[in-house]
Protein backbone atom coordinates (compact mmCIF):
# COMPACT_ATOMS: atom_id res chain seq x y z
CA UNK A 1 26.11 -7.77 -6.76
CA UNK A 2 22.99 -6.57 -5.09
CA UNK A 3 19.15 -6.96 -5.89
CA UNK A 4 15.86 -6.29 -4.17
CA UNK A 5 13.15 -9.00 -4.32
CA UNK A 6 9.71 -7.12 -4.04
CA UNK A 7 6.46 -9.10 -3.49
CA UNK A 8 2.96 -8.17 -1.98
CA UNK A 9 3.40 -10.26 1.19
CA UNK A 10 6.50 -12.42 2.13
CA UNK A 11 7.02 -15.07 3.24
CA UNK A 12 3.89 -17.04 2.52
CA UNK A 13 3.43 -20.74 2.88
CA UNK A 14 2.45 -21.01 -0.78
CA UNK A 15 5.53 -18.91 -1.97
CA UNK A 16 8.32 -21.40 -1.05
CA UNK A 17 9.42 -21.10 -4.76
CA UNK A 18 10.39 -17.30 -4.11
CA UNK A 19 12.47 -18.40 -1.00
CA UNK A 20 14.20 -21.18 -2.98
CA UNK A 21 14.87 -18.60 -5.76
CA UNK A 22 16.52 -16.20 -3.39
CA UNK A 23 18.41 -18.84 -1.74
CA UNK A 24 19.90 -19.91 -5.24
CA UNK A 25 20.64 -16.13 -6.04
CA UNK A 26 22.77 -15.85 -2.69
CA UNK A 27 24.57 -18.99 -3.49
CA UNK A 28 25.66 -17.48 -6.64
CA UNK A 29 27.09 -14.55 -4.87
CA UNK A 30 24.13 -12.19 -5.09
CA UNK A 31 22.99 -10.07 -2.18
CA UNK A 32 19.24 -10.18 -2.21
CA UNK A 33 17.40 -7.78 0.10
CA UNK A 34 13.99 -8.94 0.74
CA UNK A 35 11.15 -6.36 0.64
CA UNK A 36 7.37 -6.92 0.82
CA UNK A 37 4.58 -4.33 0.53
CA UNK A 38 3.02 -5.55 3.57
CA UNK A 39 3.95 -8.12 6.45
CA UNK A 40 2.46 -11.64 6.04
CA UNK A 41 -0.47 -12.21 8.04
CA UNK A 42 0.11 -16.00 7.83
CA UNK A 43 1.12 -18.31 10.87
CA UNK A 44 4.30 -19.70 9.35
CA UNK A 45 4.72 -23.58 10.08
CA UNK A 46 8.50 -23.88 9.19
CA UNK A 47 11.64 -22.36 10.47
CA UNK A 48 12.90 -21.45 7.01
CA UNK A 49 9.82 -19.06 6.45
CA UNK A 50 10.32 -17.70 10.07
CA UNK A 51 14.04 -16.89 9.27
CA UNK A 52 12.86 -15.25 5.95
CA UNK A 53 10.16 -12.99 8.01
CA UNK A 54 12.93 -11.77 10.17
CA UNK A 55 14.94 -10.59 7.23
CA UNK A 56 12.14 -9.04 5.24
CA UNK A 57 11.45 -5.17 5.04
CA UNK A 58 7.77 -4.30 5.02
CA UNK A 59 6.71 -1.13 3.35
CA UNK A 60 3.46 -1.04 5.36
CA UNK A 61 3.31 -1.47 9.10
CA UNK A 62 1.20 -0.22 12.01
CA UNK A 63 2.90 3.27 12.11
CA UNK A 64 3.20 3.32 8.27
CA UNK A 65 1.24 6.55 7.67
CA UNK A 66 3.97 8.84 9.19
CA UNK A 67 6.53 6.95 7.41
CA UNK A 68 4.74 7.05 4.07
CA UNK A 69 4.30 10.94 4.50
CA UNK A 70 7.97 11.29 5.40
CA UNK A 71 9.16 9.28 2.37
CA UNK A 72 7.03 11.42 0.05
CA UNK A 73 8.57 14.64 1.72
CA UNK A 74 12.05 13.29 1.22
CA UNK A 75 11.53 12.14 -2.43
CA UNK A 76 9.92 15.62 -3.40
CA UNK A 77 13.08 17.30 -1.82
CA UNK A 78 15.42 15.06 -3.65
CA UNK A 79 14.18 15.72 -6.97
CA UNK A 80 10.96 17.78 -7.43
CA UNK A 81 10.80 17.11 -11.19
CA UNK A 82 11.10 13.24 -10.89
CA UNK A 83 8.62 13.43 -8.01
CA UNK A 84 6.02 15.34 -10.15
CA UNK A 85 6.80 13.09 -13.24
CA UNK A 86 6.27 9.81 -11.01
CA UNK A 87 3.04 11.33 -9.44
CA UNK A 88 1.67 11.94 -12.95
CA UNK A 89 2.59 8.41 -14.00
CA UNK A 90 0.84 6.83 -10.79
CA UNK A 91 -2.25 9.30 -11.72
CA UNK A 92 -2.48 7.97 -15.28
CA UNK A 93 -2.01 4.23 -14.46
CA UNK A 94 -4.67 4.79 -11.91
CA UNK A 95 -7.16 6.23 -14.29
CA UNK A 96 -9.58 3.37 -15.47
CA UNK A 97 -7.53 0.59 -13.70
CA UNK A 98 -9.02 -2.14 -11.47
CA UNK A 99 -7.56 -0.96 -8.24
CA UNK A 100 -8.61 2.64 -8.97
CA UNK A 101 -7.17 5.94 -8.72
CA UNK A 102 -7.19 6.27 -4.95
CA UNK A 103 -5.35 2.98 -4.62
CA UNK A 104 -2.70 3.98 -7.01
CA UNK A 105 -2.02 7.18 -4.98
CA UNK A 106 -1.27 4.66 -2.04
CA UNK A 107 0.99 2.84 -4.53
CA UNK A 108 2.92 6.09 -5.27
CA UNK A 109 3.45 6.56 -1.45
CA UNK A 110 4.77 2.79 -1.35
CA UNK A 111 6.99 3.65 -4.28
CA UNK A 112 8.40 6.74 -2.32
CA UNK A 113 9.29 4.43 0.65
CA UNK A 114 10.79 1.74 -1.50
CA UNK A 115 12.93 4.38 -3.37
CA UNK A 116 14.40 5.51 -0.03
CA UNK A 117 15.34 1.81 0.64
CA UNK A 118 17.03 1.57 -2.85
CA UNK A 119 19.13 4.64 -2.36
CA UNK A 120 19.97 3.84 1.20
CA UNK A 121 21.29 0.45 0.26
CA UNK A 122 22.54 1.31 -3.15
CA UNK A 123 20.45 -1.43 -4.94
CA UNK A 124 20.64 -1.08 -8.65
CA UNK A 125 17.68 -3.44 -9.59
CA UNK A 126 14.40 -4.70 -8.33
CA UNK A 127 12.89 -7.97 -9.18
CA UNK A 128 9.13 -8.20 -8.58
CA UNK A 129 7.22 -11.57 -8.21
CA UNK A 130 3.70 -11.20 -9.65
CA UNK A 131 2.51 -8.67 -11.95
CA UNK A 132 -0.02 -7.05 -9.68
CA UNK A 133 0.44 -4.28 -7.17
CA UNK A 134 4.15 -4.95 -6.30
CA UNK A 135 4.86 -4.42 -10.11
CA UNK A 136 3.07 -1.06 -9.93
CA UNK A 137 4.99 0.01 -7.06
CA UNK A 138 8.22 -0.94 -8.79
CA UNK A 139 7.20 1.00 -11.93
CA UNK A 140 6.52 4.02 -10.08
CA UNK A 141 9.74 3.70 -7.91
CA UNK A 142 11.79 3.48 -11.20
CA UNK A 143 10.19 6.90 -12.36
CA UNK A 144 11.47 8.21 -9.19
CA UNK A 145 15.01 6.68 -8.89
CA UNK A 146 15.89 5.33 -12.41
CA UNK A 147 16.40 1.99 -10.61
CA UNK A 148 15.50 -0.77 -13.13
CA UNK A 149 12.99 -3.40 -12.51
CA UNK A 150 11.97 -6.81 -13.74
CA UNK A 151 9.11 -9.06 -12.82
CA UNK A 152 8.10 -12.77 -12.93
CA UNK A 153 4.47 -13.16 -13.99
CA UNK A 154 2.83 -16.44 -12.79
CA UNK A 155 -0.85 -16.16 -13.62
CA UNK A 156 -3.90 -16.58 -13.44
CA UNK A 157 -4.52 -13.16 -11.71
CA UNK A 158 -2.57 -11.10 -14.18
CA UNK A 159 -4.31 -12.76 -17.27
CA UNK A 160 -7.82 -12.56 -15.72
CA UNK A 161 -7.59 -8.73 -15.91
CA UNK A 162 -4.46 -7.83 -17.86
CA UNK A 163 -5.60 -4.16 -19.06
CA UNK A 164 -7.12 -3.40 -15.45
CA UNK A 165 -3.75 -4.27 -14.06
CA UNK A 166 -1.90 -2.24 -16.55
CA UNK A 167 0.05 -5.20 -17.62
CA UNK A 168 1.24 -3.66 -20.87
CA UNK A 169 2.62 -0.77 -19.09
CA UNK A 170 4.56 -2.94 -16.57
CA UNK A 171 6.02 -4.87 -19.47
CA UNK A 172 7.03 -1.74 -21.22
CA UNK A 173 8.61 -0.16 -18.30
CA UNK A 174 10.78 -3.27 -17.24
CA UNK A 175 13.79 -4.62 -18.57
CA UNK A 176 12.68 -8.12 -18.33
CA UNK A 177 9.49 -10.12 -17.90
CA UNK A 178 9.83 -13.66 -16.99
CA UNK A 179 6.98 -16.18 -17.72
CA UNK A 180 6.87 -19.45 -15.72
CA UNK A 181 5.68 -21.49 -18.75
CA UNK A 182 5.31 -21.12 -22.68
CA UNK A 183 1.69 -20.68 -21.97
CA UNK A 184 2.35 -17.69 -19.92
CA UNK A 185 4.81 -16.18 -22.39
CA UNK A 186 1.81 -16.39 -24.95
CA UNK A 187 -0.52 -14.60 -22.89
CA UNK A 188 2.23 -11.82 -22.14
CA UNK A 189 2.93 -11.59 -25.83
CA UNK A 190 -0.74 -11.15 -26.49
CA UNK A 191 -0.92 -7.97 -24.26
CA UNK A 192 2.48 -6.40 -24.80
CA UNK A 193 3.39 -4.14 -27.80
CA UNK A 194 5.37 -6.09 -30.35
CA UNK A 195 8.44 -3.90 -29.84
CA UNK A 196 8.58 -5.17 -26.26
CA UNK A 197 8.34 -8.91 -27.11
CA UNK A 198 12.10 -9.39 -27.01
CA UNK A 199 11.81 -8.48 -23.08
CA UNK A 200 9.67 -11.55 -22.43
CA UNK A 201 11.22 -14.90 -21.68
CA UNK A 202 10.18 -18.19 -20.16
CA UNK A 203 12.29 -18.75 -16.77
CA UNK A 204 10.68 -21.68 -15.11
CA UNK A 205 10.12 -22.05 -11.35
CA UNK A 206 12.25 -24.80 -9.72
CA UNK A 207 12.46 -27.15 -6.78
CA UNK A 208 15.76 -27.46 -4.70
CA UNK A 209 17.80 -30.35 -3.41
CA UNK A 210 15.34 -31.25 -0.71
CA UNK A 211 13.18 -32.75 -3.60
CA UNK A 212 15.83 -33.37 -6.16
CA UNK A 213 18.14 -35.23 -4.19
CA UNK A 214 15.60 -37.15 -2.12
CA UNK A 215 16.32 -40.83 -2.11
CA UNK A 216 14.20 -43.28 -4.11
CA UNK A 217 11.19 -44.66 -2.09
CA UNK A 218 8.77 -47.56 -2.59
CA UNK A 219 5.37 -46.81 -3.87
CA UNK A 220 3.02 -47.19 -1.11
CA UNK A 221 0.33 -49.96 -1.28
CA UNK A 222 -2.45 -47.76 0.13
CA UNK A 223 -5.05 -45.75 -1.56
CA UNK A 224 -4.16 -42.36 -0.42
CA UNK A 225 -4.33 -39.35 -2.63
CA UNK A 226 -2.82 -35.96 -1.41
CA UNK A 227 -3.77 -32.39 -2.63
CA UNK A 228 -1.75 -29.39 -1.64
CA UNK A 229 -3.61 -26.15 -2.51
CA UNK A 230 -4.92 -22.99 -1.20
CA UNK A 231 -8.75 -23.28 -0.50
CA UNK A 232 -9.71 -20.68 -3.09
CA UNK A 233 -12.03 -20.65 -6.02
CA UNK A 234 -8.89 -21.10 -8.35
CA UNK A 235 -8.02 -24.45 -7.09
CA UNK A 236 -11.28 -25.94 -7.62
CA UNK A 237 -11.53 -27.96 -4.44
CA UNK A 238 -15.30 -28.44 -4.65
CA UNK A 239 -14.83 -30.55 -7.70
CA UNK A 240 -12.49 -32.79 -5.68
CA UNK A 241 -15.27 -33.14 -3.02
CA UNK A 242 -17.77 -34.21 -5.78
CA UNK A 243 -15.20 -36.41 -7.52
CA UNK A 244 -14.72 -38.17 -4.19
CA UNK A 245 -18.53 -38.74 -4.04
CA UNK A 246 -18.74 -39.99 -7.59
CA UNK A 247 -15.83 -42.48 -6.88
CA UNK A 248 -17.25 -43.63 -3.54
CA UNK A 249 -20.77 -44.17 -5.09
CA UNK A 250 -19.03 -46.30 -7.64
CA UNK A 251 -17.70 -48.58 -4.73
CA UNK A 252 -13.97 -47.08 -4.73
CA UNK A 253 -12.07 -47.26 -1.47
CA UNK A 254 -9.57 -44.44 -1.04
CA UNK A 255 -8.68 -41.43 1.10
CA UNK A 256 -8.03 -37.99 0.13
CA UNK A 257 -5.98 -35.72 2.35
CA UNK A 258 -5.94 -31.88 1.55
CA UNK A 259 -3.18 -29.78 2.72
CA UNK A 260 -4.05 -26.09 2.83
CA UNK A 261 -6.25 -23.28 4.03
CA UNK A 262 -8.10 -20.37 2.63
CA UNK A 263 -11.46 -18.52 2.27
CA UNK A 264 -13.40 -21.63 1.06
CA UNK A 265 -12.67 -23.95 3.96
CA UNK A 266 -16.20 -23.54 5.56
CA UNK A 267 -17.89 -24.13 2.24
CA UNK A 268 -15.62 -27.13 1.61
CA UNK A 269 -16.30 -28.66 5.08
CA UNK A 270 -20.03 -28.18 4.52
CA UNK A 271 -19.89 -29.94 1.01
CA UNK A 272 -17.87 -32.87 2.57
CA UNK A 273 -20.64 -33.42 5.10
CA UNK A 274 -23.53 -33.00 2.57
CA UNK A 275 -21.91 -35.34 0.07
CA UNK A 276 -21.34 -38.12 2.61
CA UNK A 277 -17.54 -38.17 2.19
CA UNK A 278 -16.38 -37.28 5.52
CA UNK A 279 -14.85 -40.59 6.23
CA UNK A 280 -12.50 -40.43 3.26
CA UNK A 281 -11.98 -36.76 2.73
CA UNK A 282 -9.78 -34.91 5.30
CA UNK A 283 -8.66 -31.22 5.37
CA UNK A 284 -5.33 -30.89 7.09
CA UNK A 285 -4.74 -27.15 7.10
CA UNK A 286 -1.32 -25.83 6.34
CA UNK A 287 1.53 -28.05 7.50
CA UNK A 288 5.34 -27.67 7.45
CA UNK A 289 7.49 -28.38 4.39
CA UNK A 290 8.84 -31.67 6.06
CA UNK A 291 5.33 -32.68 6.84
CA UNK A 292 4.03 -31.85 3.29
CA UNK A 293 6.95 -34.13 1.86
CA UNK A 294 6.02 -37.02 4.31
CA UNK A 295 2.21 -36.82 3.01
CA UNK A 296 3.45 -36.80 -0.68
CA UNK A 297 5.73 -39.83 -0.17
CA UNK A 298 3.06 -41.73 1.64
CA UNK A 299 0.48 -41.04 -1.33
CA UNK A 300 -0.48 -43.21 -4.20
CA UNK A 301 -0.93 -40.04 -6.45
CA UNK A 302 -1.05 -36.29 -6.12
CA UNK A 303 -4.25 -34.76 -7.32
CA UNK A 304 -4.88 -30.95 -8.33
CA UNK A 305 -8.43 -30.03 -9.70
CA UNK A 306 -7.51 -26.42 -10.59
CA UNK A 307 -9.80 -24.28 -12.54
CA UNK A 308 -7.04 -21.45 -13.18
CA UNK A 309 -3.38 -21.82 -12.85
CA UNK A 310 0.21 -20.76 -13.86
CA UNK A 311 2.30 -23.77 -13.49
CA UNK A 312 1.85 -24.86 -9.80
CA UNK A 313 5.27 -25.65 -8.10
CA UNK A 314 3.53 -28.33 -6.00
CA UNK A 315 3.16 -30.51 -9.06
CA UNK A 316 6.94 -30.36 -9.50
CA UNK A 317 7.41 -31.01 -5.84
CA UNK A 318 5.16 -34.21 -6.15
CA UNK A 319 6.78 -35.31 -9.30
CA UNK A 320 10.42 -34.94 -8.05
CA UNK A 321 9.31 -37.25 -5.17
CA UNK A 322 8.21 -39.76 -7.76
CA UNK A 323 4.60 -39.56 -7.45
CA UNK A 324 2.21 -39.68 -10.45
CA UNK A 325 -0.07 -36.59 -10.71
CA UNK A 326 -3.60 -36.08 -11.62
CA UNK A 327 -4.18 -32.50 -12.88
CA UNK A 328 -6.34 -30.47 -15.16
CA UNK A 329 -5.38 -29.71 -18.74
CA UNK A 330 -5.18 -25.85 -18.20
CA UNK A 331 -2.47 -23.10 -18.53
CA UNK A 332 0.97 -24.41 -18.39
CA UNK A 333 0.36 -27.73 -16.85
CA UNK A 334 0.27 -29.70 -20.05
CA UNK A 335 4.09 -28.50 -20.63
CA UNK A 336 4.76 -30.89 -17.55
CA UNK A 337 2.10 -33.51 -17.19
CA UNK A 338 0.74 -35.86 -19.79
CA UNK A 339 -0.05 -39.67 -19.69
CA UNK A 340 3.65 -40.78 -19.39
CA UNK A 341 3.58 -39.44 -15.67
CA UNK A 342 0.10 -39.30 -14.75
CA UNK A 343 -3.27 -38.15 -15.90
CA UNK A 344 -4.66 -34.92 -17.53
CA UNK A 345 -8.30 -34.43 -17.06
CA UNK A 346 -10.69 -31.58 -18.37
CA UNK A 347 -11.19 -28.54 -15.96
CA UNK A 348 -14.48 -28.58 -14.39
CA UNK A 349 -15.40 -32.25 -14.60
CA UNK A 350 -15.79 -34.15 -11.51
CA UNK A 351 -16.53 -37.19 -13.29
CA UNK A 352 -13.17 -37.14 -15.29
CA UNK A 353 -11.41 -36.54 -12.14
CA UNK A 354 -13.07 -39.28 -10.46
CA UNK A 355 -12.24 -41.61 -13.50
CA UNK A 356 -8.70 -40.68 -13.25
CA UNK A 357 -8.47 -41.46 -9.64
CA UNK A 358 -10.06 -44.88 -10.33
CA UNK A 359 -7.49 -45.47 -12.87
CA UNK A 360 -4.79 -44.64 -10.40
CA UNK A 361 -6.31 -47.05 -7.83
CA UNK A 362 -6.39 -49.78 -10.36
CA UNK A 363 -2.87 -49.29 -11.78
CA UNK A 364 -0.26 -51.74 -10.52
CA UNK A 365 2.22 -50.45 -8.29
CA UNK A 366 5.18 -51.08 -10.66
CA UNK A 367 3.37 -48.92 -13.30
CA UNK A 368 2.69 -46.12 -10.86
CA UNK A 369 6.49 -46.20 -9.96
CA UNK A 370 7.23 -45.99 -13.69
CA UNK A 371 5.00 -42.96 -14.07
CA UNK A 372 6.70 -41.53 -11.08
CA UNK A 373 10.23 -42.01 -12.36
CA UNK A 374 9.27 -40.28 -15.69
CA UNK A 375 7.88 -37.36 -13.73
CA UNK A 376 10.84 -36.91 -11.74
CA UNK A 377 12.96 -37.02 -14.94
CA UNK A 378 11.16 -34.06 -16.29
CA UNK A 379 11.34 -32.04 -13.07
CA UNK A 380 15.21 -32.51 -13.04
CA UNK A 381 15.41 -31.76 -16.65
CA UNK A 382 13.17 -28.48 -16.58
CA UNK A 383 12.76 -27.32 -13.05
CA UNK A 384 16.30 -27.41 -11.10
CA UNK A 385 16.03 -24.12 -9.23
CA UNK A 386 19.69 -23.55 -9.34
CA UNK A 387 19.93 -23.91 -13.06
CA UNK A 388 16.77 -21.85 -13.72
CA UNK A 389 17.91 -19.11 -11.22
CA UNK A 390 21.41 -19.01 -12.92
CA UNK A 391 19.49 -18.25 -16.25
CA UNK A 392 17.58 -15.37 -14.64
CA UNK A 393 20.99 -14.10 -13.23
CA UNK A 394 22.45 -14.15 -16.63
CA UNK A 395 19.60 -12.08 -18.11
CA UNK A 396 19.71 -9.55 -15.05
CA UNK A 397 23.42 -9.36 -14.87
CA UNK A 398 23.87 -6.20 -16.73
CA UNK A 399 21.55 -4.19 -14.41
CA UNK A 400 23.11 -5.63 -11.34
CA UNK A 401 26.59 -4.79 -12.57
CA UNK A 402 25.62 -1.17 -12.32
CA UNK A 403 25.72 -1.37 -8.57
CA UNK A 404 29.47 -2.46 -8.72
CA UNK A 405 30.56 0.54 -10.61
């Protein structure tokens, strides 16, 4: 069995869950061809991602213009009728869309190049992560080749602008749309035609043995909180800075270590200085997977002040390592986190975030350990990447079997 995995940019530091899913599929005997629309621009800190980068085909590259033109000429010669039909589809998708018509014509060219790869490698199915532009490319490519596609929708980007991203069309064109949470499935049902609801299923992201088989460790006696997040508007890091200030003003002693980087770094650095929390708030940038695990293990609790989410895999990772979590009560997070394994706080409230941190600081170690064990139990039960990937494969098996005929 053979399948293509298509994303916008792969690998990325924040997309380790895709790599785990690919690895789990390969362990189940599926050949996975990695394809990204463009090469990743990130400096990858881990050898696993570096290996993935070497195995990934990028549709766009420095000499991509000529290759895209050649791909369109090849597709027009292979089947003029399908070529015209697919171009019309791209045109219609582009009209009134958020990316716009011109960008959809670029997606059409990318779809032509993708189609050539699928034919050359005899790939019967494409699975897409994220319902944004890669799903558009897969949809147009399906019109060119007849190769089926499915997609995993994470949120929140897809739910911010479902009509502008043509989400209903992508659901209608695919054989399966996987949501990473029940909340996500509800949002997809909201925008899909009822006759397509039976194609939408919850398939949760997972963590692997590195986390699930990690030996039990003692809860540290320190007062360290760890946050792992992109420094973007969705993740709400300015609230964490303000919460640190509120907690410090109240006399609390603690340390917050933030792992991640992004477009808001300069703003957050300035806020840390202005709020007077530079002595207890550290921005570490991105670290390797092993370094992140070490930071989590050395923390008292994990904290994530998100304003918009799907269901963050980093919550699962922290919980698998038996750490209580402090998170906002949004999107799919309440499906995993409650007071039995951490603290849920209202999104947008620095005061509530500071209060939860104060409670974590005051909670005895044995109680923190109990919260951590309950969190781990939930992750083992709901987010084992091998079990969840096997479920995804079972749903896609009829499409993959076509390639074996």
